[in-house]
Amino acid sequence: MNTEDVKQFCSELPGSEVSEKGPTANILTYKVGGKKFAYFKTSEPEQWRFSLRVTPEQYLELTDQPGIKPARYMHRFHWISIVHVAQLPDDYLQMLISDSYTRALNTLSKKARNSISQQAN
């Protein structure tokens, strides 16, 4: 998957909201119910670096791979940054994004989750 594919995949998840913050942050954020599940850095250095939340086990495994590192400021919450999204197999990257989305969704109230489910149908 390239950057545009990842953006489209994130945008198509049920209830997904996209927001962009300009300077100084320069971040394109994907949220569900106001909870962040993924984001892109939109400026240099590392333009289009992609970050998402993973399990503690995945965090240890993934941060040992070249091109994947702890997300700046968010690493203590098990967020990783992927420097080039094309380096991961498409299905694995989609699974990581879906898992991050589900983790964010599960922090919402039952009422909010049901509302998002109804919007998707």
PDB file of N, CA and C in Angstrom:
ATOM      1  N   MET A   1       0.857  -1.182   0.000  1.00  0.00           N
ATOM      2  CA  MET A   1       0.000   0.000   0.000  1.00  0.00           C
ATOM      3  C   MET A   1       0.897   1.237   0.000  1.00  0.00           C
ATOM      4  N   ASN A   2       0.468   2.233  -0.745  1.00  0.00           N
ATOM      5  CA  ASN A   2       1.186   3.495  -0.689  1.00  0.00           C
ATOM      6  C   ASN A   2       0.432   4.445   0.248  1.00  0.00           C
ATOM      7  N   THR A   3       0.937   5.647   0.386  1.00  0.00           N
ATOM      8  CA  THR A   3       0.342   6.615   1.308  1.00  0.00           C
ATOM      9  C   THR A   3      -1.119   6.899   0.971  1.00  0.00           C
ATOM     10  N   GLU A   4      -1.422   7.075  -0.302  1.00  0.00           N
ATOM     11  CA  GLU A   4      -2.803   7.367  -0.702  1.00  0.00           C
ATOM     12  C   GLU A   4      -3.743   6.200  -0.388  1.00  0.00           C
ATOM     13  N   ASP A   5      -3.260   4.970  -0.584  1.00  0.00           N
ATOM     14  CA  ASP A   5      -4.065   3.788  -0.251  1.00  0.00           C
ATOM     15  C   ASP A   5      -4.381   3.743   1.242  1.00  0.00           C
ATOM     16  N   VAL A   6      -3.381   4.058   2.052  1.00  0.00           N
ATOM     17  CA  VAL A   6      -3.575   4.038   3.513  1.00  0.00           C
ATOM     18  C   VAL A   6      -4.567   5.125   3.921  1.00  0.00           C
ATOM     19  N   LYS A   7      -4.440   6.308   3.345  1.00  0.00           N
ATOM     20  CA  LYS A   7      -5.388   7.393   3.643  1.00  0.00           C
ATOM     21  C   LYS A   7      -6.809   6.972   3.303  1.00  0.00           C
ATOM     22  N   GLN A   8      -6.980   6.359   2.145  1.00  0.00           N
ATOM     23  CA  GLN A   8      -8.307   5.923   1.720  1.00  0.00           C
ATOM     24  C   GLN A   8      -8.844   4.838   2.652  1.00  0.00           C
ATOM     25  N   PHE A   9      -8.003   3.865   3.003  1.00  0.00           N
ATOM     26  CA  PHE A   9      -8.427   2.788   3.895  1.00  0.00           C
ATOM     27  C   PHE A   9      -8.885   3.362   5.233  1.00  0.00           C
ATOM     28  N   CYS A  10      -8.102   4.277   5.802  1.00  0.00           N
ATOM     29  CA  CYS A  10      -8.461   4.876   7.095  1.00  0.00           C
ATOM     30  C   CYS A  10      -9.764   5.671   6.993  1.00  0.00           C
ATOM     31  N   SER A  11      -9.940   6.389   5.896  1.00  0.00           N
ATOM     32  CA  SER A  11     -11.136   7.215   5.714  1.00  0.00           C
ATOM     33  C   SER A  11     -12.406   6.392   5.553  1.00  0.00           C
ATOM     34  N   GLU A  12     -12.262   5.177   5.034  1.00  0.00           N
ATOM     35  CA  GLU A  12     -13.435   4.346   4.761  1.00  0.00           C
ATOM     36  C   GLU A  12     -13.904   3.526   5.960  1.00  0.00           C
ATOM     37  N   LEU A  13     -13.159   3.526   7.046  1.00  0.00           N
ATOM     38  CA  LEU A  13     -13.599   2.798   8.237  1.00  0.00           C
ATOM     39  C   LEU A  13     -14.838   3.485   8.809  1.00  0.00           C
ATOM     40  N   PRO A  14     -15.809   2.719   9.319  1.00  0.00           N
ATOM     41  CA  PRO A  14     -17.068   3.308   9.810  1.00  0.00           C
ATOM     42  C   PRO A  14     -16.839   4.378  10.882  1.00  0.00           C
ATOM     43  N   GLY A  15     -17.430   5.538  10.673  1.00  0.00           N
ATOM     44  CA  GLY A  15     -17.338   6.628  11.647  1.00  0.00           C
ATOM     45  C   GLY A  15     -16.023   7.366  11.637  1.00  0.00           C
ATOM     46  N   SER A  16     -15.162   7.071  10.675  1.00  0.00           N
ATOM     47  CA  SER A  16     -13.851   7.707  10.617  1.00  0.00           C
ATOM     48  C   SER A  16     -13.976   9.202  10.333  1.00  0.00           C
ATOM     49  N   GLU A  17     -13.215   9.981  11.078  1.00  0.00           N
ATOM     50  CA  GLU A  17     -13.176  11.435  10.913  1.00  0.00           C
ATOM     51  C   GLU A  17     -11.734  11.813  10.577  1.00  0.00           C
ATOM     52  N   VAL A  18     -11.556  12.728   9.648  1.00  0.00           N
ATOM     53  CA  VAL A  18     -10.223  13.176   9.249  1.00  0.00           C
ATOM     54  C   VAL A  18     -10.078  14.643   9.606  1.00  0.00           C
ATOM     55  N   SER A  19      -8.950  14.994  10.215  1.00  0.00           N
ATOM     56  CA  SER A  19      -8.673  16.405  10.480  1.00  0.00           C
ATOM     57  C   SER A  19      -7.197  16.670  10.208  1.00  0.00           C
ATOM     58  N   GLU A  20      -6.928  17.879   9.768  1.00  0.00           N
ATOM     59  CA  GLU A  20      -5.540  18.241   9.475  1.00  0.00           C
ATOM     60  C   GLU A  20      -5.173  19.472  10.276  1.00  0.00           C
ATOM     61  N   LYS A  21      -4.039  19.368  10.935  1.00  0.00           N
ATOM     62  CA  LYS A  21      -3.505  20.494  11.688  1.00  0.00           C
ATOM     63  C   LYS A  21      -2.294  21.016  10.925  1.00  0.00           C
ATOM     64  N   GLY A  22      -2.281  22.312  10.701  1.00  0.00           N
ATOM     65  CA  GLY A  22      -1.172  22.933   9.991  1.00  0.00           C
ATOM     66  C   GLY A  22       0.005  23.203  10.910  1.00  0.00           C
ATOM     67  N   PRO A  23       0.862  24.132  10.501  1.00  0.00           N
ATOM     68  CA  PRO A  23       2.052  24.437  11.302  1.00  0.00           C
ATOM     69  C   PRO A  23       1.649  24.780  12.719  1.00  0.00           C
ATOM     70  N   THR A  24       2.307  24.438  13.681  1.00  0.00           N
ATOM     71  CA  THR A  24       3.581  23.763  13.759  1.00  0.00           C
ATOM     72  C   THR A  24       3.461  22.249  13.826  1.00  0.00           C
ATOM     73  N   ALA A  25       2.309  21.731  14.059  1.00  0.00           N
ATOM     74  CA  ALA A  25       2.132  20.283  14.211  1.00  0.00           C
ATOM     75  C   ALA A  25       2.258  19.555  12.873  1.00  0.00           C
ATOM     76  N   ASN A  26       1.571  20.021  11.836  1.00  0.00           N
ATOM     77  CA  ASN A  26       1.600  19.395  10.509  1.00  0.00           C
ATOM     78  C   ASN A  26       1.245  17.908  10.569  1.00  0.00           C
ATOM     79  N   ILE A  27       0.035  17.632  11.040  1.00  0.00           N
ATOM     80  CA  ILE A  27      -0.395  16.243  11.218  1.00  0.00           C
ATOM     81  C   ILE A  27      -1.784  16.046  10.603  1.00  0.00           C
ATOM     82  N   LEU A  28      -1.952  14.945   9.890  1.00  0.00           N
ATOM     83  CA  LEU A  28      -3.234  14.511   9.345  1.00  0.00           C
ATOM     84  C   LEU A  28      -3.713  13.380  10.240  1.00  0.00           C
ATOM     85  N   THR A  29      -4.810  13.598  10.967  1.00  0.00           N
ATOM     86  CA  THR A  29      -5.257  12.672  11.997  1.00  0.00           C
ATOM     87  C   THR A  29      -6.546  11.961  11.598  1.00  0.00           C
ATOM     88  N   TYR A  30      -6.618  10.678  11.945  1.00  0.00           N
ATOM     89  CA  TYR A  30      -7.828   9.871  11.748  1.00  0.00           C
ATOM     90  C   TYR A  30      -8.366   9.496  13.118  1.00  0.00           C
ATOM     91  N   LYS A  31      -9.662   9.768  13.326  1.00  0.00           N
ATOM     92  CA  LYS A  31     -10.302   9.501  14.611  1.00  0.00           C
ATOM     93  C   LYS A  31     -11.615   8.773  14.396  1.00  0.00           C
ATOM     94  N   VAL A  32     -12.051   8.096  15.447  1.00  0.00           N
ATOM     95  CA  VAL A  32     -13.395   7.529  15.487  1.00  0.00           C
ATOM     96  C   VAL A  32     -13.993   7.966  16.817  1.00  0.00           C
ATOM     97  N   GLY A  33     -15.144   8.628  16.758  1.00  0.00           N
ATOM     98  CA  GLY A  33     -15.776   9.120  17.972  1.00  0.00           C
ATOM     99  C   GLY A  33     -14.887  10.055  18.773  1.00  0.00           C
ATOM    100  N   GLY A  34     -14.019  10.791  18.093  1.00  0.00           N
ATOM    101  CA  GLY A  34     -13.109  11.721  18.763  1.00  0.00           C
ATOM    102  C   GLY A  34     -11.844  11.076  19.303  1.00  0.00           C
ATOM    103  N   LYS A  35     -11.689   9.770  19.129  1.00  0.00           N
ATOM    104  CA  LYS A  35     -10.504   9.049  19.617  1.00  0.00           C
ATOM    105  C   LYS A  35      -9.569   8.754  18.448  1.00  0.00           C
ATOM    106  N   LYS A  36      -8.335   9.175  18.575  1.00  0.00           N
ATOM    107  CA  LYS A  36      -7.353   9.004  17.512  1.00  0.00           C
ATOM    108  C   LYS A  36      -6.968   7.537  17.355  1.00  0.00           C
ATOM    109  N   PHE A  37      -6.916   7.078  16.068  1.00  0.00           N
ATOM    110  CA  PHE A  37      -6.447   5.721  15.817  1.00  0.00           C
ATOM    111  C   PHE A  37      -5.268   5.674  14.847  1.00  0.00           C
ATOM    112  N   ALA A  38      -5.006   6.771  14.141  1.00  0.00           N
ATOM    113  CA  ALA A  38      -3.860   6.813  13.227  1.00  0.00           C
ATOM    114  C   ALA A  38      -3.587   8.253  12.834  1.00  0.00           C
ATOM    115  N   TYR A  39      -2.333   8.513  12.437  1.00  0.00           N
ATOM    116  CA  TYR A  39      -2.015   9.844  11.920  1.00  0.00           C
ATOM    117  C   TYR A  39      -0.774   9.814  11.040  1.00  0.00           C
ATOM    118  N   PHE A  40      -0.701  10.800  10.149  1.00  0.00           N
ATOM    119  CA  PHE A  40       0.427  11.008   9.256  1.00  0.00           C
ATOM    120  C   PHE A  40       1.115  12.316   9.618  1.00  0.00           C
ATOM    121  N   LYS A  41       2.403  12.348   9.531  1.00  0.00           N
ATOM    122  CA  LYS A  41       3.177  13.586   9.602  1.00  0.00           C
ATOM    123  C   LYS A  41       3.180  14.148   8.186  1.00  0.00           C
ATOM    124  N   THR A  42       2.810  15.418   8.008  1.00  0.00           N
ATOM    125  CA  THR A  42       2.657  15.967   6.657  1.00  0.00           C
ATOM    126  C   THR A  42       3.780  16.908   6.235  1.00  0.00           C
ATOM    127  N   SER A  43       4.831  17.008   7.036  1.00  0.00           N
ATOM    128  CA  SER A  43       5.942  17.882   6.669  1.00  0.00           C
ATOM    129  C   SER A  43       7.269  17.170   6.901  1.00  0.00           C
ATOM    130  N   GLU A  44       8.313  17.742   6.370  1.00  0.00           N
ATOM    131  CA  GLU A  44       9.655  17.190   6.582  1.00  0.00           C
ATOM    132  C   GLU A  44      10.084  17.487   8.003  1.00  0.00           C
ATOM    133  N   PRO A  45      10.954  16.754   8.630  1.00  0.00           N
ATOM    134  CA  PRO A  45      11.528  15.501   8.130  1.00  0.00           C
ATOM    135  C   PRO A  45      10.533  14.347   8.263  1.00  0.00           C
ATOM    136  N   GLU A  46      10.784  13.314   7.518  1.00  0.00           N
ATOM    137  CA  GLU A  46       9.937  12.110   7.517  1.00  0.00           C
ATOM    138  C   GLU A  46       8.500  12.414   7.127  1.00  0.00           C
ATOM    139  N   GLN A  47       8.344  13.171   6.055  1.00  0.00           N
ATOM    140  CA  GLN A  47       6.998  13.442   5.559  1.00  0.00           C
ATOM    141  C   GLN A  47       6.309  12.122   5.218  1.00  0.00           C
ATOM    142  N   TRP A  48       5.055  12.003   5.582  1.00  0.00           N
ATOM    143  CA  TRP A  48       4.181  10.844   5.385  1.00  0.00           C
ATOM    144  C   TRP A  48       4.568   9.658   6.268  1.00  0.00           C
ATOM    145  N   ARG A  49       5.309   9.927   7.336  1.00  0.00           N
ATOM    146  CA  ARG A  49       5.511   8.907   8.369  1.00  0.00           C
ATOM    147  C   ARG A  49       4.131   8.612   8.958  1.00  0.00           C
ATOM    148  N   PHE A  50       3.816   7.344   9.135  1.00  0.00           N
ATOM    149  CA  PHE A  50       2.483   6.917   9.553  1.00  0.00           C
ATOM    150  C   PHE A  50       2.562   6.309  10.944  1.00  0.00           C
ATOM    151  N   SER A  51       1.687   6.736  11.838  1.00  0.00           N
ATOM    152  CA  SER A  51       1.699   6.238  13.206  1.00  0.00           C
ATOM    153  C   SER A  51       0.352   5.643  13.582  1.00  0.00           C
ATOM    154  N   LEU A  52       0.414   4.587  14.382  1.00  0.00           N
ATOM    155  CA  LEU A  52      -0.800   3.938  14.870  1.00  0.00           C
ATOM    156  C   LEU A  52      -0.495   3.204  16.165  1.00  0.00           C
ATOM    157  N   ARG A  53      -1.560   2.811  16.851  1.00  0.00           N
ATOM    158  CA  ARG A  53      -1.428   2.139  18.142  1.00  0.00           C
ATOM    159  C   ARG A  53      -1.457   0.628  17.947  1.00  0.00           C
ATOM    160  N   VAL A  54      -0.580  -0.071  18.685  1.00  0.00           N
ATOM    161  CA  VAL A  54      -0.500  -1.528  18.608  1.00  0.00           C
ATOM    162  C   VAL A  54      -0.527  -2.113  20.018  1.00  0.00           C
ATOM    163  N   THR A  55      -0.592  -3.426  20.095  1.00  0.00           N
ATOM    164  CA  THR A  55      -0.547  -4.087  21.407  1.00  0.00           C
ATOM    165  C   THR A  55       0.879  -4.013  21.949  1.00  0.00           C
ATOM    166  N   PRO A  56       1.065  -4.185  23.248  1.00  0.00           N
ATOM    167  CA  PRO A  56       2.421  -4.185  23.796  1.00  0.00           C
ATOM    168  C   PRO A  56       3.330  -5.238  23.146  1.00  0.00           C
ATOM    169  N   GLU A  57       2.778  -6.402  22.821  1.00  0.00           N
ATOM    170  CA  GLU A  57       3.577  -7.454  22.185  1.00  0.00           C
ATOM    171  C   GLU A  57       3.998  -7.039  20.776  1.00  0.00           C
ATOM    172  N   GLN A  58       3.058  -6.476  20.017  1.00  0.00           N
ATOM    173  CA  GLN A  58       3.373  -6.008  18.670  1.00  0.00           C
ATOM    174  C   GLN A  58       4.378  -4.865  18.717  1.00  0.00           C
ATOM    175  N   TYR A  59       4.255  -4.016  19.717  1.00  0.00           N
ATOM    176  CA  TYR A  59       5.159  -2.886  19.874  1.00  0.00           C
ATOM    177  C   TYR A  59       6.606  -3.374  19.959  1.00  0.00           C
ATOM    178  N   LEU A  60       6.843  -4.358  20.810  1.00  0.00           N
ATOM    179  CA  LEU A  60       8.200  -4.897  20.958  1.00  0.00           C
ATOM    180  C   LEU A  60       8.690  -5.550  19.675  1.00  0.00           C
ATOM    181  N   GLU A  61       7.819  -6.297  19.031  1.00  0.00           N
ATOM    182  CA  GLU A  61       8.177  -6.986  17.796  1.00  0.00           C
ATOM    183  C   GLU A  61       8.449  -5.991  16.662  1.00  0.00           C
ATOM    184  N   LEU A  62       7.568  -5.041  16.479  1.00  0.00           N
ATOM    185  CA  LEU A  62       7.658  -4.127  15.346  1.00  0.00           C
ATOM    186  C   LEU A  62       8.789  -3.114  15.473  1.00  0.00           C
ATOM    187  N   THR A  63       9.040  -2.619  16.683  1.00  0.00           N
ATOM    188  CA  THR A  63      10.088  -1.608  16.834  1.00  0.00           C
ATOM    189  C   THR A  63      11.485  -2.191  16.666  1.00  0.00           C
ATOM    190  N   ASP A  64      11.595  -3.513  16.568  1.00  0.00           N
ATOM    191  CA  ASP A  64      12.882  -4.151  16.261  1.00  0.00           C
ATOM    192  C   ASP A  64      13.145  -4.202  14.759  1.00  0.00           C
ATOM    193  N   GLN A  65      12.136  -3.878  13.941  1.00  0.00           N
ATOM    194  CA  GLN A  65      12.291  -3.927  12.493  1.00  0.00           C
ATOM    195  C   GLN A  65      12.809  -2.587  11.973  1.00  0.00           C
ATOM    196  N   PRO A  66      13.656  -2.635  10.929  1.00  0.00           N
ATOM    197  CA  PRO A  66      14.132  -1.368  10.347  1.00  0.00           C
ATOM    198  C   PRO A  66      12.968  -0.581   9.747  1.00  0.00           C
ATOM    199  N   GLY A  67      12.998   0.731   9.913  1.00  0.00           N
ATOM    200  CA  GLY A  67      11.948   1.586   9.355  1.00  0.00           C
ATOM    201  C   GLY A  67      10.724   1.721  10.227  1.00  0.00           C
ATOM    202  N   ILE A  68      10.716   1.046  11.370  1.00  0.00           N
ATOM    203  CA  ILE A  68       9.602   1.159  12.322  1.00  0.00           C
ATOM    204  C   ILE A  68      10.202   1.520  13.673  1.00  0.00           C
ATOM    205  N   LYS A  69       9.684   2.577  14.258  1.00  0.00           N
ATOM    206  CA  LYS A  69      10.242   3.038  15.530  1.00  0.00           C
ATOM    207  C   LYS A  69       9.131   3.506  16.456  1.00  0.00           C
ATOM    208  N   PRO A  70       9.456   3.702  17.714  1.00  0.00           N
ATOM    209  CA  PRO A  70       8.442   4.227  18.636  1.00  0.00           C
ATOM    210  C   PRO A  70       7.971   5.604  18.169  1.00  0.00           C
ATOM    211  N   ALA A  71       6.680   5.848  18.254  1.00  0.00           N
ATOM    212  CA  ALA A  71       6.121   7.144  17.844  1.00  0.00           C
ATOM    213  C   ALA A  71       6.552   8.216  18.836  1.00  0.00           C
ATOM    214  N   ARG A  72       6.925   9.334  18.293  1.00  0.00           N
ATOM    215  CA  ARG A  72       7.391  10.438  19.123  1.00  0.00           C
ATOM    216  C   ARG A  72       6.275  10.896  20.051  1.00  0.00           C
ATOM    217  N   TYR A  73       6.570  11.036  21.312  1.00  0.00           N
ATOM    218  CA  TYR A  73       5.653  11.469  22.369  1.00  0.00           C
ATOM    219  C   TYR A  73       4.553  10.463  22.706  1.00  0.00           C
ATOM    220  N   MET A  74       4.252   9.528  21.808  1.00  0.00           N
ATOM    221  CA  MET A  74       3.148   8.591  22.039  1.00  0.00           C
ATOM    222  C   MET A  74       3.639   7.169  22.318  1.00  0.00           C
ATOM    223  N   HIS A  75       4.946   6.954  22.334  1.00  0.00           N
ATOM    224  CA  HIS A  75       5.481   5.601  22.482  1.00  0.00           C
ATOM    225  C   HIS A  75       5.067   4.940  23.791  1.00  0.00           C
ATOM    226  N   ARG A  76       4.900   5.707  24.824  1.00  0.00           N
ATOM    227  CA  ARG A  76       4.537   5.091  26.109  1.00  0.00           C
ATOM    228  C   ARG A  76       3.131   4.494  26.089  1.00  0.00           C
ATOM    229  N   PHE A  77       2.349   4.859  25.079  1.00  0.00           N
ATOM    230  CA  PHE A  77       1.005   4.300  24.908  1.00  0.00           C
ATOM    231  C   PHE A  77       0.983   3.246  23.805  1.00  0.00           C
ATOM    232  N   HIS A  78       2.171   2.743  23.441  1.00  0.00           N
ATOM    233  CA  HIS A  78       2.341   1.689  22.428  1.00  0.00           C
ATOM    234  C   HIS A  78       1.948   2.140  21.025  1.00  0.00           C
ATOM    235  N   TRP A  79       2.341   3.342  20.669  1.00  0.00           N
ATOM    236  CA  TRP A  79       2.191   3.844  19.309  1.00  0.00           C
ATOM    237  C   TRP A  79       3.515   3.663  18.593  1.00  0.00           C
ATOM    238  N   ILE A  80       3.442   3.262  17.326  1.00  0.00           N
ATOM    239  CA  ILE A  80       4.635   3.108  16.501  1.00  0.00           C
ATOM    240  C   ILE A  80       4.555   4.056  15.308  1.00  0.00           C
ATOM    241  N   SER A  81       5.697   4.349  14.719  1.00  0.00           N
ATOM    242  CA  SER A  81       5.761   5.130  13.483  1.00  0.00           C
ATOM    243  C   SER A  81       6.404   4.273  12.408  1.00  0.00           C
ATOM    244  N   ILE A  82       5.748   4.207  11.270  1.00  0.00           N
ATOM    245  CA  ILE A  82       6.250   3.476  10.116  1.00  0.00           C
ATOM    246  C   ILE A  82       6.743   4.529   9.131  1.00  0.00           C
ATOM    247  N   VAL A  83       8.045   4.522   8.861  1.00  0.00           N
ATOM    248  CA  VAL A  83       8.627   5.559   8.020  1.00  0.00           C
ATOM    249  C   VAL A  83       8.098   5.479   6.596  1.00  0.00           C
ATOM    250  N   HIS A  84       8.010   4.285   6.023  1.00  0.00           N
ATOM    251  CA  HIS A  84       7.475   4.091   4.670  1.00  0.00           C
ATOM    252  C   HIS A  84       6.441   2.975   4.714  1.00  0.00           C
ATOM    253  N   VAL A  85       5.169   3.317   4.510  1.00  0.00           N
ATOM    254  CA  VAL A  85       4.099   2.328   4.620  1.00  0.00           C
ATOM    255  C   VAL A  85       4.230   1.205   3.600  1.00  0.00           C
ATOM    256  N   ALA A  86       4.881   1.466   2.469  1.00  0.00           N
ATOM    257  CA  ALA A  86       5.013   0.446   1.421  1.00  0.00           C
ATOM    258  C   ALA A  86       5.923  -0.705   1.837  1.00  0.00           C
ATOM    259  N   GLN A  87       6.660  -0.544   2.933  1.00  0.00           N
ATOM    260  CA  GLN A  87       7.572  -1.607   3.360  1.00  0.00           C
ATOM    261  C   GLN A  87       6.845  -2.785   4.006  1.00  0.00           C
ATOM    262  N   LEU A  88       5.603  -2.595   4.424  1.00  0.00           N
ATOM    263  CA  LEU A  88       4.842  -3.675   5.054  1.00  0.00           C
ATOM    264  C   LEU A  88       3.883  -4.302   4.042  1.00  0.00           C
ATOM    265  N   PRO A  89       3.641  -5.605   4.165  1.00  0.00           N
ATOM    266  CA  PRO A  89       2.639  -6.239   3.290  1.00  0.00           C
ATOM    267  C   PRO A  89       1.271  -5.580   3.499  1.00  0.00           C
ATOM    268  N   ASP A  90       0.526  -5.447   2.418  1.00  0.00           N
ATOM    269  CA  ASP A  90      -0.772  -4.760   2.459  1.00  0.00           C
ATOM    270  C   ASP A  90      -1.717  -5.333   3.508  1.00  0.00           C
ATOM    271  N   ASP A  91      -1.870  -6.655   3.523  1.00  0.00           N
ATOM    272  CA  ASP A  91      -2.823  -7.263   4.455  1.00  0.00           C
ATOM    273  C   ASP A  91      -2.400  -7.069   5.904  1.00  0.00           C
ATOM    274  N   TYR A  92      -1.093  -7.102   6.175  1.00  0.00           N
ATOM    275  CA  TYR A  92      -0.603  -6.903   7.539  1.00  0.00           C
ATOM    276  C   TYR A  92      -0.836  -5.456   7.979  1.00  0.00           C
ATOM    277  N   LEU A  93      -0.572  -4.501   7.095  1.00  0.00           N
ATOM    278  CA  LEU A  93      -0.790  -3.098   7.418  1.00  0.00           C
ATOM    279  C   LEU A  93      -2.276  -2.824   7.644  1.00  0.00           C
ATOM    280  N   GLN A  94      -3.138  -3.391   6.821  1.00  0.00           N
ATOM    281  CA  GLN A  94      -4.580  -3.227   7.008  1.00  0.00           C
ATOM    282  C   GLN A  94      -5.025  -3.815   8.337  1.00  0.00           C
ATOM    283  N   MET A  95      -4.451  -4.941   8.716  1.00  0.00           N
ATOM    284  CA  MET A  95      -4.777  -5.561  10.004  1.00  0.00           C
ATOM    285  C   MET A  95      -4.342  -4.647  11.159  1.00  0.00           C
ATOM    286  N   LEU A  96      -3.142  -4.063  11.070  1.00  0.00           N
ATOM    287  CA  LEU A  96      -2.667  -3.161  12.123  1.00  0.00           C
ATOM    288  C   LEU A  96      -3.570  -1.935  12.239  1.00  0.00           C
ATOM    289  N   ILE A  97      -3.971  -1.376  11.100  1.00  0.00           N
ATOM    290  CA  ILE A  97      -4.858  -0.208  11.109  1.00  0.00           C
ATOM    291  C   ILE A  97      -6.214  -0.579  11.704  1.00  0.00           C
ATOM    292  N   SER A  98      -6.763  -1.701  11.283  1.00  0.00           N
ATOM    293  CA  SER A  98      -8.063  -2.149  11.802  1.00  0.00           C
ATOM    294  C   SER A  98      -8.006  -2.394  13.307  1.00  0.00           C
ATOM    295  N   ASP A  99      -6.914  -2.979  13.774  1.00  0.00           N
ATOM    296  CA  ASP A  99      -6.760  -3.209  15.212  1.00  0.00           C
ATOM    297  C   ASP A  99      -6.683  -1.892  15.981  1.00  0.00           C
ATOM    298  N   SER A 100      -5.941  -0.932  15.452  1.00  0.00           N
ATOM    299  CA  SER A 100      -5.838   0.373  16.094  1.00  0.00           C
ATOM    300  C   SER A 100      -7.202   1.056  16.131  1.00  0.00           C
ATOM    301  N   TYR A 101      -7.935   0.962  15.034  1.00  0.00           N
ATOM    302  CA  TYR A 101      -9.291   1.511  14.950  1.00  0.00           C
ATOM    303  C   TYR A 101     -10.196   0.857  16.002  1.00  0.00           C
ATOM    304  N   THR A 102     -10.141  -0.467  16.100  1.00  0.00           N
ATOM    305  CA  THR A 102     -10.971  -1.202  17.055  1.00  0.00           C
ATOM    306  C   THR A 102     -10.625  -0.820  18.489  1.00  0.00           C
ATOM    307  N   ARG A 103      -9.344  -0.647  18.783  1.00  0.00           N
ATOM    308  CA  ARG A 103      -8.937  -0.234  20.130  1.00  0.00           C
ATOM    309  C   ARG A 103      -9.530   1.126  20.478  1.00  0.00           C
ATOM    310  N   ALA A 104      -9.488   2.062  19.517  1.00  0.00           N
ATOM    311  CA  ALA A 104     -10.064   3.387  19.753  1.00  0.00           C
ATOM    312  C   ALA A 104     -11.582   3.288  19.912  1.00  0.00           C
ATOM    313  N   LEU A 105     -12.210   2.502  19.052  1.00  0.00           N
ATOM    314  CA  LEU A 105     -13.661   2.324  19.100  1.00  0.00           C
ATOM    315  C   LEU A 105     -14.101   1.733  20.438  1.00  0.00           C
ATOM    316  N   ASN A 106     -13.337   0.792  20.952  1.00  0.00           N
ATOM    317  CA  ASN A 106     -13.709   0.134  22.206  1.00  0.00           C
ATOM    318  C   ASN A 106     -13.575   1.031  23.433  1.00  0.00           C
ATOM    319  N   THR A 107     -12.909   2.171  23.303  1.00  0.00           N
ATOM    320  CA  THR A 107     -12.824   3.102  24.435  1.00  0.00           C
ATOM    321  C   THR A 107     -14.050   3.997  24.515  1.00  0.00           C
ATOM    322  N   LEU A 108     -14.879   3.964  23.473  1.00  0.00           N
ATOM    323  CA  LEU A 108     -16.089   4.784  23.455  1.00  0.00           C
ATOM    324  C   LEU A 108     -17.200   4.134  24.271  1.00  0.00           C
ATOM    325  N   SER A 109     -18.169   4.937  24.639  1.00  0.00           N
ATOM    326  CA  SER A 109     -19.324   4.400  25.357  1.00  0.00           C
ATOM    327  C   SER A 109     -20.102   3.472  24.431  1.00  0.00           C
ATOM    328  N   LYS A 110     -20.902   2.607  25.037  1.00  0.00           N
ATOM    329  CA  LYS A 110     -21.712   1.674  24.250  1.00  0.00           C
ATOM    330  C   LYS A 110     -22.658   2.441  23.329  1.00  0.00           C
ATOM    331  N   LYS A 111     -23.198   3.524  23.815  1.00  0.00           N
ATOM    332  CA  LYS A 111     -24.112   4.345  23.015  1.00  0.00           C
ATOM    333  C   LYS A 111     -23.381   4.908  21.783  1.00  0.00           C
ATOM    334  N   ALA A 112     -22.174   5.403  21.971  1.00  0.00           N
ATOM    335  CA  ALA A 112     -21.396   5.959  20.857  1.00  0.00           C
ATOM    336  C   ALA A 112     -21.030   4.874  19.855  1.00  0.00           C
ATOM    337  N   ARG A 113     -20.640   3.700  20.358  1.00  0.00           N
ATOM    338  CA  ARG A 113     -20.312   2.581  19.460  1.00  0.00           C
ATOM    339  C   ARG A 113     -21.527   2.168  18.640  1.00  0.00           C
ATOM    340  N   ASN A 114     -22.694   2.088  19.296  1.00  0.00           N
ATOM    341  CA  ASN A 114     -23.922   1.715  18.587  1.00  0.00           C
ATOM    342  C   ASN A 114     -24.276   2.751  17.531  1.00  0.00           C
ATOM    343  N   SER A 115     -24.076   4.010  17.830  1.00  0.00           N
ATOM    344  CA  SER A 115     -24.355   5.082  16.875  1.00  0.00           C
ATOM    345  C   SER A 115     -23.470   4.942  15.640  1.00  0.00           C
ATOM    346  N   ILE A 116     -22.206   4.640  15.845  1.00  0.00           N
ATOM    347  CA  ILE A 116     -21.271   4.444  14.715  1.00  0.00           C
ATOM    348  C   ILE A 116     -21.660   3.215  13.926  1.00  0.00           C
ATOM    349  N   SER A 117     -22.066   2.149  14.600  1.00  0.00           N
ATOM    350  CA  SER A 117     -22.499   0.926  13.920  1.00  0.00           C
ATOM    351  C   SER A 117     -23.722   1.185  13.047  1.00  0.00           C
ATOM    352  N   GLN A 118     -24.652   1.992  13.555  1.00  0.00           N
ATOM    353  CA  GLN A 118     -25.858   2.291  12.792  1.00  0.00           C
ATOM    354  C   GLN A 118     -25.547   3.150  11.573  1.00  0.00           C
ATOM    355  N   GLN A 119     -24.575   4.070  11.702  1.00  0.00           N
ATOM    356  CA  GLN A 119     -24.165   4.891  10.570  1.00  0.00           C
ATOM    357  C   GLN A 119     -23.548   4.053   9.466  1.00  0.00           C
ATOM    358  N   ALA A 120     -22.831   2.993   9.871  1.00  0.00           N
ATOM    359  CA  ALA A 120     -22.159   2.130   8.907  1.00  0.00           C
ATOM    360  C   ALA A 120     -23.151   1.291   8.110  1.00  0.00           C
ATOM    361  N   ASN A 121     -24.290   0.977   8.703  1.00  0.00           N
ATOM    362  CA  ASN A 121     -25.287   0.130   8.030  1.00  0.00           C
ATOM    363  C   ASN A 121     -26.184   0.915   7.185  1.00  0.00           C
TER     364      ASN A 121
END
